[in-house]
Amino acid sequence: WRQFVATCQEGYDDVLPEYFHDLRVRDAIERGLAEDSLRGTRGFDD
């Protein structure tokens, strides 16, 4: 996700379908953040 954002800052240099594909990592991260069972675990807040 950090690398994708850095790439976007420089100017995203691939095609639109690849852009949406690259966003899937943020979708996966959200899946983890939204998981109730993870919210109270050590490390979640960090």
All heavy atoms as atom14 arrays in JSON, in Angstrom:
{
  "sequence": "WRQFVATCQEGYDDVLPEYFHDLRVRDAIERGLAEDSLRGTRGFDD",
  "atom14_mask": [
    [1, 1, 1, 1, 1, 1, 1, 1, 1, 1, 1, 1, 1, 1],
    [1, 1, 1, 1, 1, 1, 1, 1, 1, 1, 1, 0, 0, 0],
    [1, 1, 1, 1, 1, 1, 1, 1, 1, 0, 0, 0, 0, 0],
    [1, 1, 1, 1, 1, 1, 1, 1, 1, 1, 1, 0, 0, 0],
    [1, 1, 1, 1, 1, 1, 1, 0, 0, 0, 0, 0, 0, 0],
    [1, 1, 1, 1, 1, 0, 0, 0, 0, 0, 0, 0, 0, 0],
    [1, 1, 1, 1, 1, 1, 1, 0, 0, 0, 0, 0, 0, 0],
    [1, 1, 1, 1, 1, 1, 0, 0, 0, 0, 0, 0, 0, 0],
    [1, 1, 1, 1, 1, 1, 1, 1, 1, 0, 0, 0, 0, 0],
    [1, 1, 1, 1, 1, 1, 1, 1, 1, 0, 0, 0, 0, 0],
    [1, 1, 1, 1, 0, 0, 0, 0, 0, 0, 0, 0, 0, 0],
    [1, 1, 1, 1, 1, 1, 1, 1, 1, 1, 1, 1, 0, 0],
    [1, 1, 1, 1, 1, 1, 1, 1, 0, 0, 0, 0, 0, 0],
    [1, 1, 1, 1, 1, 1, 1, 1, 0, 0, 0, 0, 0, 0],
    [1, 1, 1, 1, 1, 1, 1, 0, 0, 0, 0, 0, 0, 0],
    [1, 1, 1, 1, 1, 1, 1, 1, 0, 0, 0, 0, 0, 0],
    [1, 1, 1, 1, 1, 1, 1, 0, 0, 0, 0, 0, 0, 0],
    [1, 1, 1, 1, 1, 1, 1, 1, 1, 0, 0, 0, 0, 0],
    [1, 1, 1, 1, 1, 1, 1, 1, 1, 1, 1, 1, 0, 0],
    [1, 1, 1, 1, 1, 1, 1, 1, 1, 1, 1, 0, 0, 0],
    [1, 1, 1, 1, 1, 1, 1, 1, 1, 1, 0, 0, 0, 0],
    [1, 1, 1, 1, 1, 1, 1, 1, 0, 0, 0, 0, 0, 0],
    [1, 1, 1, 1, 1, 1, 1, 1, 0, 0, 0, 0, 0, 0],
    [1, 1, 1, 1, 1, 1, 1, 1, 1, 1, 1, 0, 0, 0],
    [1, 1, 1, 1, 1, 1, 1, 0, 0, 0, 0, 0, 0, 0],
    [1, 1, 1, 1, 1, 1, 1, 1, 1, 1, 1, 0, 0, 0],
    [1, 1, 1, 1, 1, 1, 1, 1, 0, 0, 0, 0, 0, 0],
    [1, 1, 1, 1, 1, 0, 0, 0, 0, 0, 0, 0, 0, 0],
    [1, 1, 1, 1, 1, 1, 1, 1, 0, 0, 0, 0, 0, 0],
    [1, 1, 1, 1, 1, 1, 1, 1, 1, 0, 0, 0, 0, 0],
    [1, 1, 1, 1, 1, 1, 1, 1, 1, 1, 1, 0, 0, 0],
    [1, 1, 1, 1, 0, 0, 0, 0, 0, 0, 0, 0, 0, 0],
    [1, 1, 1, 1, 1, 1, 1, 1, 0, 0, 0, 0, 0, 0],
    [1, 1, 1, 1, 1, 0, 0, 0, 0, 0, 0, 0, 0, 0],
    [1, 1, 1, 1, 1, 1, 1, 1, 1, 0, 0, 0, 0, 0],
    [1, 1, 1, 1, 1, 1, 1, 1, 0, 0, 0, 0, 0, 0],
    [1, 1, 1, 1, 1, 1, 0, 0, 0, 0, 0, 0, 0, 0],
    [1, 1, 1, 1, 1, 1, 1, 1, 0, 0, 0, 0, 0, 0],
    [1, 1, 1, 1, 1, 1, 1, 1, 1, 1, 1, 0, 0, 0],
    [1, 1, 1, 1, 0, 0, 0, 0, 0, 0, 0, 0, 0, 0],
    [1, 1, 1, 1, 1, 1, 1, 0, 0, 0, 0, 0, 0, 0],
    [1, 1, 1, 1, 1, 1, 1, 1, 1, 1, 1, 0, 0, 0],
    [1, 1, 1, 1, 0, 0, 0, 0, 0, 0, 0, 0, 0, 0],
    [1, 1, 1, 1, 1, 1, 1, 1, 1, 1, 1, 0, 0, 0],
    [1, 1, 1, 1, 1, 1, 1, 1, 0, 0, 0, 0, 0, 0],
    [1, 1, 1, 1, 1, 1, 1, 1, 0, 0, 0, 0, 0, 0]
  ],
  "atom14_positions": [
    [[0.84, -1.19, 0.0], [0.0, 0.0, 0.0], [0.89, 1.25, 0.0], [0.65, 2.2, -0.75], [-0.95, -0.04, 1.18], [-1.87, 1.12, 1.34], [-2.09, 1.84, 2.49], [-2.77, 1.7, 0.38], [-3.02, 2.82, 2.27], [-3.46, 2.75, 0.98], [-3.03, 1.41, -0.96], [-4.4, 3.54, 0.31], [-3.96, 2.2, -1.64], [-4.63, 3.23, -1.0]],
    [[1.93, 1.25, 0.81], [2.86, 2.38, 0.84], [3.51, 2.58, -0.53], [3.64, 3.71, -1.01], [3.97, 2.13, 1.86], [3.62, 2.49, 3.25], [4.87, 2.44, 4.14], [4.51, 2.71, 5.5], [4.7, 1.88, 6.51], [5.29, 0.71, 6.33], [4.32, 2.23, 7.71], [0.0, 0.0, 0.0], [0.0, 0.0, 0.0], [0.0, 0.0, 0.0]],
    [[3.95, 1.49, -1.14], [4.6, 1.58, -2.45], [3.63, 2.09, -3.51], [4.0, 2.9, -4.35], [5.17, 0.22, -2.86], [5.88, 0.23, -4.2], [7.02, 1.23, -4.25], [7.86, 1.27, -3.36], [7.04, 2.06, -5.28], [0.0, 0.0, 0.0], [0.0, 0.0, 0.0], [0.0, 0.0, 0.0], [0.0, 0.0, 0.0], [0.0, 0.0, 0.0]],
    [[2.41, 1.6, -3.48], [1.4, 2.07, -4.42], [1.19, 3.57, -4.28], [1.16, 4.3, -5.28], [0.09, 1.31, -4.2], [-1.06, 1.84, -5.02], [-1.15, 1.54, -6.37], [-2.03, 2.64, -4.43], [-2.21, 2.03, -7.12], [-3.08, 3.13, -5.18], [-3.17, 2.83, -6.53], [0.0, 0.0, 0.0], [0.0, 0.0, 0.0], [0.0, 0.0, 0.0]],
    [[1.06, 4.05, -3.06], [0.85, 5.48, -2.82], [2.06, 6.28, -3.29], [1.91, 7.34, -3.9], [0.5, 5.74, -1.34], [0.47, 7.23, -1.03], [-0.85, 5.1, -1.0], [0.0, 0.0, 0.0], [0.0, 0.0, 0.0], [0.0, 0.0, 0.0], [0.0, 0.0, 0.0], [0.0, 0.0, 0.0], [0.0, 0.0, 0.0], [0.0, 0.0, 0.0]],
    [[3.26, 5.77, -3.05], [4.46, 6.45, -3.52], [4.47, 6.52, -5.05], [4.85, 7.55, -5.63], [5.71, 5.73, -3.01], [0.0, 0.0, 0.0], [0.0, 0.0, 0.0], [0.0, 0.0, 0.0], [0.0, 0.0, 0.0], [0.0, 0.0, 0.0], [0.0, 0.0, 0.0], [0.0, 0.0, 0.0], [0.0, 0.0, 0.0], [0.0, 0.0, 0.0]],
    [[4.05, 5.45, -5.7], [3.97, 5.43, -7.16], [2.96, 6.47, -7.64], [3.22, 7.18, -8.62], [3.58, 4.03, -7.66], [4.59, 3.11, -7.26], [3.39, 3.99, -9.17], [0.0, 0.0, 0.0], [0.0, 0.0, 0.0], [0.0, 0.0, 0.0], [0.0, 0.0, 0.0], [0.0, 0.0, 0.0], [0.0, 0.0, 0.0], [0.0, 0.0, 0.0]],
    [[1.84, 6.55, -6.97], [0.82, 7.54, -7.34], [1.33, 8.97, -7.16], [1.01, 9.86, -7.94], [-0.45, 7.34, -6.51], [-1.37, 5.85, -6.96], [0.0, 0.0, 0.0], [0.0, 0.0, 0.0], [0.0, 0.0, 0.0], [0.0, 0.0, 0.0], [0.0, 0.0, 0.0], [0.0, 0.0, 0.0], [0.0, 0.0, 0.0], [0.0, 0.0, 0.0]],
    [[2.14, 9.17, -6.15], [2.7, 10.49, -5.9], [3.6, 10.93, -7.06], [3.6, 12.08, -7.46], [3.48, 10.51, -4.6], [3.95, 11.89, -4.2], [4.49, 11.91, -2.78], [4.64, 10.89, -2.13], [4.76, 13.11, -2.31], [0.0, 0.0, 0.0], [0.0, 0.0, 0.0], [0.0, 0.0, 0.0], [0.0, 0.0, 0.0], [0.0, 0.0, 0.0]],
    [[4.34, 9.98, -7.6], [5.22, 10.27, -8.74], [4.42, 10.42, -10.04], [4.88, 11.06, -10.98], [6.24, 9.15, -8.91], [7.2, 9.02, -7.75], [8.06, 10.27, -7.6], [8.57, 10.76, -8.63], [8.2, 10.74, -6.47], [0.0, 0.0, 0.0], [0.0, 0.0, 0.0], [0.0, 0.0, 0.0], [0.0, 0.0, 0.0], [0.0, 0.0, 0.0]],
    [[3.26, 9.8, -10.08], [2.42, 9.76, -11.28], [2.2, 8.32, -11.68], [3.15, 7.65, -12.11], [0.0, 0.0, 0.0], [0.0, 0.0, 0.0], [0.0, 0.0, 0.0], [0.0, 0.0, 0.0], [0.0, 0.0, 0.0], [0.0, 0.0, 0.0], [0.0, 0.0, 0.0], [0.0, 0.0, 0.0], [0.0, 0.0, 0.0], [0.0, 0.0, 0.0]],
    [[0.99, 7.83, -11.48], [0.71, 6.42, -11.75], [0.99, 6.13, -13.22], [0.49, 6.82, -14.11], [-0.74, 6.08, -11.39], [-0.98, 4.6, -11.41], [-0.57, 3.8, -10.36], [-1.58, 3.99, -12.5], [-0.75, 2.42, -10.38], [-1.77, 2.61, -12.53], [-1.35, 1.85, -11.47], [-1.52, 0.48, -11.5], [0.0, 0.0, 0.0], [0.0, 0.0, 0.0]],
    [[1.8, 5.1, -13.49], [2.3, 4.9, -14.85], [1.88, 3.56, -15.47], [2.61, 2.98, -16.25], [3.81, 5.03, -14.88], [4.52, 4.01, -14.01], [3.84, 3.25, -13.3], [5.76, 3.95, -14.05], [0.0, 0.0, 0.0], [0.0, 0.0, 0.0], [0.0, 0.0, 0.0], [0.0, 0.0, 0.0], [0.0, 0.0, 0.0], [0.0, 0.0, 0.0]],
    [[0.7, 3.1, -15.13], [0.2, 1.87, -15.72], [-1.21, 2.14, -16.25], [-1.66, 3.29, -16.26], [0.2, 0.74, -14.68], [0.41, -0.64, -15.3], [0.0, -0.84, -16.46], [0.98, -1.51, -14.63], [0.0, 0.0, 0.0], [0.0, 0.0, 0.0], [0.0, 0.0, 0.0], [0.0, 0.0, 0.0], [0.0, 0.0, 0.0], [0.0, 0.0, 0.0]],
    [[-1.9, 1.12, -16.67], [-3.24, 1.27, -17.24], [-4.3, 1.25, -16.13], [-4.05, 0.8, -15.02], [-3.52, 0.17, -18.28], [-2.6, 0.33, -19.48], [-3.4, -1.21, -17.67], [0.0, 0.0, 0.0], [0.0, 0.0, 0.0], [0.0, 0.0, 0.0], [0.0, 0.0, 0.0], [0.0, 0.0, 0.0], [0.0, 0.0, 0.0], [0.0, 0.0, 0.0]],
    [[-5.48, 1.72, -16.47], [-6.57, 1.82, -15.5], [-6.95, 0.48, -14.87], [-7.11, 0.42, -13.63], [-7.79, 2.48, -16.15], [-8.97, 2.79, -15.25], [-8.57, 3.75, -14.13], [-10.11, 3.37, -16.08], [0.0, 0.0, 0.0], [0.0, 0.0, 0.0], [0.0, 0.0, 0.0], [0.0, 0.0, 0.0], [0.0, 0.0, 0.0], [0.0, 0.0, 0.0]],
    [[-7.07, -0.62, -15.63], [-7.39, -1.89, -14.97], [-6.34, -2.28, -13.93], [-6.67, -2.82, -12.88], [-7.44, -2.89, -16.12], [-7.78, -2.08, -17.33], [-7.09, -0.75, -17.11], [0.0, 0.0, 0.0], [0.0, 0.0, 0.0], [0.0, 0.0, 0.0], [0.0, 0.0, 0.0], [0.0, 0.0, 0.0], [0.0, 0.0, 0.0], [0.0, 0.0, 0.0]],
    [[-5.09, -2.0, -14.21], [-4.02, -2.31, -13.26], [-4.13, -1.43, -12.01], [-3.86, -1.88, -10.9], [-2.65, -2.17, -13.91], [-1.53, -2.68, -13.06], [-1.59, -4.19, -12.8], [-2.17, -4.94, -13.6], [-1.04, -4.62, -11.77], [0.0, 0.0, 0.0], [0.0, 0.0, 0.0], [0.0, 0.0, 0.0], [0.0, 0.0, 0.0], [0.0, 0.0, 0.0]],
    [[-4.53, -0.18, -12.19], [-4.74, 0.72, -11.05], [-5.76, 0.11, -10.1], [-5.53, 0.02, -8.89], [-5.2, 2.09, -11.55], [-5.52, 3.06, -10.45], [-4.51, 3.81, -9.85], [-6.83, 3.25, -10.01], [-4.79, 4.7, -8.83], [-7.11, 4.15, -9.0], [-6.09, 4.87, -8.41], [-6.38, 5.76, -7.39], [0.0, 0.0, 0.0], [0.0, 0.0, 0.0]],
    [[-6.89, -0.31, -10.64], [-7.93, -0.91, -9.79], [-7.46, -2.23, -9.19], [-7.8, -2.55, -8.05], [-9.25, -1.06, -10.55], [-9.95, 0.25, -10.76], [-10.21, 0.7, -12.04], [-10.32, 1.04, -9.7], [-10.85, 1.93, -12.24], [-10.96, 2.25, -9.88], [-11.22, 2.71, -11.15], [0.0, 0.0, 0.0], [0.0, 0.0, 0.0], [0.0, 0.0, 0.0]],
    [[-6.67, -2.97, -9.94], [-6.1, -4.2, -9.39], [-5.17, -3.87, -8.22], [-5.21, -4.54, -7.18], [-5.34, -4.96, -10.49], [-4.64, -6.16, -9.99], [-5.29, -7.35, -9.73], [-3.35, -6.37, -9.65], [-4.42, -8.23, -9.27], [-3.22, -7.65, -9.21], [0.0, 0.0, 0.0], [0.0, 0.0, 0.0], [0.0, 0.0, 0.0], [0.0, 0.0, 0.0]],
    [[-4.36, -2.86, -8.38], [-3.44, -2.46, -7.32], [-4.17, -2.01, -6.05], [-3.65, -2.17, -4.95], [-2.51, -1.34, -7.79], [-1.5, -1.81, -8.82], [-1.31, -3.04, -8.98], [-0.88, -0.94, -9.47], [0.0, 0.0, 0.0], [0.0, 0.0, 0.0], [0.0, 0.0, 0.0], [0.0, 0.0, 0.0], [0.0, 0.0, 0.0], [0.0, 0.0, 0.0]],
    [[-5.36, -1.46, -6.21], [-6.14, -1.04, -5.04], [-6.64, -2.22, -4.2], [-7.04, -2.04, -3.05], [-7.36, -0.2, -5.48], [-7.08, 1.22, -5.9], [-8.37, 1.88, -6.37], [-6.45, 2.03, -4.78], [0.0, 0.0, 0.0], [0.0, 0.0, 0.0], [0.0, 0.0, 0.0], [0.0, 0.0, 0.0], [0.0, 0.0, 0.0], [0.0, 0.0, 0.0]],
    [[-6.58, -3.41, -4.76], [-7.06, -4.58, -4.01], [-6.29, -4.8, -2.72], [-6.83, -5.34, -1.76], [-7.01, -5.83, -4.88], [-8.05, -5.8, -5.98], [-8.08, -6.98, -6.88], [-7.19, -8.07, -6.51], [-7.07, -9.18, -7.18], [-7.78, -9.36, -8.27], [-6.24, -10.12, -6.79], [0.0, 0.0, 0.0], [0.0, 0.0, 0.0], [0.0, 0.0, 0.0]],
    [[-5.04, -4.38, -2.66], [-4.29, -4.53, -1.41], [-4.94, -3.7, -0.31], [-5.02, -4.13, 0.83], [-2.78, -4.21, -1.57], [-2.53, -2.71, -1.75], [-2.0, -4.74, -0.38], [0.0, 0.0, 0.0], [0.0, 0.0, 0.0], [0.0, 0.0, 0.0], [0.0, 0.0, 0.0], [0.0, 0.0, 0.0], [0.0, 0.0, 0.0], [0.0, 0.0, 0.0]],
    [[-5.44, -2.52, -0.66], [-6.11, -1.7, 0.37], [-7.43, -2.34, 0.77], [-7.84, -2.26, 1.92], [-6.3, -0.26, -0.13], [-6.94, 0.66, 0.91], [-6.11, 0.71, 2.18], [-6.67, 1.57, 3.19], [-7.61, 1.2, 4.08], [-8.11, -0.04, 4.05], [-8.05, 2.03, 4.98], [0.0, 0.0, 0.0], [0.0, 0.0, 0.0], [0.0, 0.0, 0.0]],
    [[-8.11, -2.99, -0.18], [-9.33, -3.73, 0.15], [-9.02, -4.84, 1.15], [-9.77, -5.05, 2.1], [-9.96, -4.34, -1.11], [-10.45, -3.29, -2.1], [-10.78, -2.16, -1.7], [-10.51, -3.63, -3.3], [0.0, 0.0, 0.0], [0.0, 0.0, 0.0], [0.0, 0.0, 0.0], [0.0, 0.0, 0.0], [0.0, 0.0, 0.0], [0.0, 0.0, 0.0]],
    [[-7.92, -5.55, 0.93], [-7.53, -6.63, 1.84], [-7.2, -6.08, 3.22], [-7.58, -6.65, 4.24], [-6.33, -7.39, 1.27], [0.0, 0.0, 0.0], [0.0, 0.0, 0.0], [0.0, 0.0, 0.0], [0.0, 0.0, 0.0], [0.0, 0.0, 0.0], [0.0, 0.0, 0.0], [0.0, 0.0, 0.0], [0.0, 0.0, 0.0], [0.0, 0.0, 0.0]],
    [[-6.49, -4.96, 3.25], [-6.17, -4.32, 4.53], [-7.45, -3.98, 5.27], [-7.58, -4.21, 6.47], [-5.29, -3.08, 4.31], [-3.88, -3.51, 3.88], [-5.25, -2.21, 5.56], [-3.0, -2.37, 3.41], [0.0, 0.0, 0.0], [0.0, 0.0, 0.0], [0.0, 0.0, 0.0], [0.0, 0.0, 0.0], [0.0, 0.0, 0.0], [0.0, 0.0, 0.0]],
    [[-8.41, -3.45, 4.55], [-9.68, -3.08, 5.19], [-10.39, -4.3, 5.75], [-11.01, -4.23, 6.81], [-10.58, -2.35, 4.19], [-11.82, -1.75, 4.81], [-11.51, -0.67, 5.83], [-10.41, -0.1, 5.82], [-12.39, -0.4, 6.67], [0.0, 0.0, 0.0], [0.0, 0.0, 0.0], [0.0, 0.0, 0.0], [0.0, 0.0, 0.0], [0.0, 0.0, 0.0]],
    [[-10.28, -5.41, 5.04], [-10.89, -6.66, 5.54], [-10.31, -6.98, 6.92], [-11.03, -7.36, 7.83], [-10.61, -7.79, 4.56], [-11.24, -9.11, 4.92], [-10.92, -10.2, 3.9], [-11.2, -9.81, 2.54], [-10.27, -9.67, 1.58], [-9.0, -9.91, 1.84], [-10.61, -9.31, 0.37], [0.0, 0.0, 0.0], [0.0, 0.0, 0.0], [0.0, 0.0, 0.0]],
    [[-9.01, -6.82, 7.07], [-8.38, -7.07, 8.37], [-8.78, -6.05, 9.41], [-9.06, -6.4, 10.56], [0.0, 0.0, 0.0], [0.0, 0.0, 0.0], [0.0, 0.0, 0.0], [0.0, 0.0, 0.0], [0.0, 0.0, 0.0], [0.0, 0.0, 0.0], [0.0, 0.0, 0.0], [0.0, 0.0, 0.0], [0.0, 0.0, 0.0], [0.0, 0.0, 0.0]],
    [[-8.85, -4.79, 9.03], [-9.22, -3.74, 9.99], [-10.68, -3.84, 10.42], [-11.02, -3.45, 11.54], [-8.95, -2.36, 9.39], [-7.49, -1.99, 9.16], [-7.39, -0.66, 8.43], [-6.73, -1.96, 10.49], [0.0, 0.0, 0.0], [0.0, 0.0, 0.0], [0.0, 0.0, 0.0], [0.0, 0.0, 0.0], [0.0, 0.0, 0.0], [0.0, 0.0, 0.0]],
    [[-11.52, -4.35, 9.54], [-12.94, -4.46, 9.85], [-13.29, -5.72, 10.64], [-14.41, -5.83, 11.15], [-13.75, -4.42, 8.55], [0.0, 0.0, 0.0], [0.0, 0.0, 0.0], [0.0, 0.0, 0.0], [0.0, 0.0, 0.0], [0.0, 0.0, 0.0], [0.0, 0.0, 0.0], [0.0, 0.0, 0.0], [0.0, 0.0, 0.0], [0.0, 0.0, 0.0]],
    [[-12.36, -6.64, 10.75], [-12.61, -7.92, 11.42], [-12.73, -7.7, 12.93], [-11.77, -7.31, 13.59], [-11.49, -8.9, 11.11], [-11.58, -10.22, 11.83], [-12.84, -11.01, 11.49], [-13.26, -11.02, 10.34], [-13.38, -11.62, 12.43], [0.0, 0.0, 0.0], [0.0, 0.0, 0.0], [0.0, 0.0, 0.0], [0.0, 0.0, 0.0], [0.0, 0.0, 0.0]],
    [[-13.92, -7.94, 13.46], [-14.16, -7.74, 14.9], [-13.19, -8.51, 15.78], [-12.75, -8.0, 16.8], [-15.6, -8.13, 15.26], [-16.62, -7.12, 14.74], [-16.25, -5.95, 14.52], [-17.78, -7.52, 14.54], [0.0, 0.0, 0.0], [0.0, 0.0, 0.0], [0.0, 0.0, 0.0], [0.0, 0.0, 0.0], [0.0, 0.0, 0.0], [0.0, 0.0, 0.0]],
    [[-12.87, -9.72, 15.39], [-12.01, -10.55, 16.23], [-10.58, -9.99, 16.33], [-9.84, -10.36, 17.24], [-11.95, -11.99, 15.71], [-11.3, -12.04, 14.45], [0.0, 0.0, 0.0], [0.0, 0.0, 0.0], [0.0, 0.0, 0.0], [0.0, 0.0, 0.0], [0.0, 0.0, 0.0], [0.0, 0.0, 0.0], [0.0, 0.0, 0.0], [0.0, 0.0, 0.0]],
    [[-10.2, -9.11, 15.42], [-8.85, -8.53, 15.45], [-8.78, -7.21, 16.21], [-7.7, -6.81, 16.64], [-8.32, -8.31, 14.03], [-8.07, -9.55, 13.2], [-7.55, -9.17, 11.82], [-7.08, -10.47, 13.9], [0.0, 0.0, 0.0], [0.0, 0.0, 0.0], [0.0, 0.0, 0.0], [0.0, 0.0, 0.0], [0.0, 0.0, 0.0], [0.0, 0.0, 0.0]],
    [[-9.9, -6.57, 16.39], [-9.89, -5.22, 16.95], [-9.27, -5.11, 18.34], [-8.67, -4.11, 18.64], [-11.29, -4.64, 16.97], [-11.73, -4.33, 15.58], [-12.86, -3.41, 15.52], [-13.16, -3.16, 14.12], [-14.23, -2.59, 13.71], [-15.12, -2.18, 14.57], [-14.42, -2.39, 12.43], [0.0, 0.0, 0.0], [0.0, 0.0, 0.0], [0.0, 0.0, 0.0]],
    [[-9.37, -6.1, 19.14], [-8.81, -6.02, 20.48], [-7.43, -6.63, 20.61], [-6.86, -6.64, 21.7], [0.0, 0.0, 0.0], [0.0, 0.0, 0.0], [0.0, 0.0, 0.0], [0.0, 0.0, 0.0], [0.0, 0.0, 0.0], [0.0, 0.0, 0.0], [0.0, 0.0, 0.0], [0.0, 0.0, 0.0], [0.0, 0.0, 0.0], [0.0, 0.0, 0.0]],
    [[-6.89, -7.13, 19.53], [-5.6, -7.83, 19.63], [-4.46, -6.83, 19.77], [-4.53, -5.7, 19.3], [-5.34, -8.71, 18.39], [-5.32, -7.89, 17.23], [-6.38, -9.8, 18.25], [0.0, 0.0, 0.0], [0.0, 0.0, 0.0], [0.0, 0.0, 0.0], [0.0, 0.0, 0.0], [0.0, 0.0, 0.0], [0.0, 0.0, 0.0], [0.0, 0.0, 0.0]],
    [[-3.39, -7.31, 20.42], [-2.18, -6.49, 20.5], [-1.64, -6.31, 19.1], [-1.51, -7.27, 18.34], [-1.13, -7.17, 21.39], [-1.43, -7.07, 22.86], [-0.37, -7.71, 23.75], [-0.19, -9.12, 23.43], [0.9, -9.64, 22.85], [1.93, -8.89, 22.56], [0.97, -10.92, 22.59], [0.0, 0.0, 0.0], [0.0, 0.0, 0.0], [0.0, 0.0, 0.0]],
    [[-1.37, -5.09, 18.75], [-0.85, -4.79, 17.42], [-1.87, -4.16, 16.49], [-1.5, -3.51, 15.52], [0.0, 0.0, 0.0], [0.0, 0.0, 0.0], [0.0, 0.0, 0.0], [0.0, 0.0, 0.0], [0.0, 0.0, 0.0], [0.0, 0.0, 0.0], [0.0, 0.0, 0.0], [0.0, 0.0, 0.0], [0.0, 0.0, 0.0], [0.0, 0.0, 0.0]],
    [[-3.15, -4.34, 16.77], [-4.19, -3.77, 15.91], [-4.05, -2.27, 15.82], [-4.05, -1.7, 14.72], [-5.59, -4.14, 16.41], [-6.68, -3.52, 15.57], [-7.18, -4.18, 14.47], [-7.21, -2.27, 15.89], [-8.16, -3.61, 13.68], [-8.2, -1.69, 15.11], [-8.68, -2.36, 14.0], [0.0, 0.0, 0.0], [0.0, 0.0, 0.0], [0.0, 0.0, 0.0]],
    [[-3.95, -1.59, 16.95], [-3.88, -0.12, 16.95], [-2.65, 0.38, 16.21], [-2.72, 1.38, 15.47], [-3.9, 0.43, 18.37], [-5.26, 0.26, 19.04], [-6.27, 0.06, 18.32], [-5.31, 0.34, 20.28], [0.0, 0.0, 0.0], [0.0, 0.0, 0.0], [0.0, 0.0, 0.0], [0.0, 0.0, 0.0], [0.0, 0.0, 0.0], [0.0, 0.0, 0.0]],
    [[-1.52, -0.29, 16.38], [-0.3, 0.11, 15.67], [-0.48, -0.04, 14.16], [-0.08, 0.84, 13.38], [0.89, -0.73, 16.12], [1.29, -0.45, 17.56], [1.05, 0.67, 18.05], [1.85, -1.37, 18.19], [0.0, 0.0, 0.0], [0.0, 0.0, 0.0], [0.0, 0.0, 0.0], [0.0, 0.0, 0.0], [0.0, 0.0, 0.0], [0.0, 0.0, 0.0]]
  ]
}
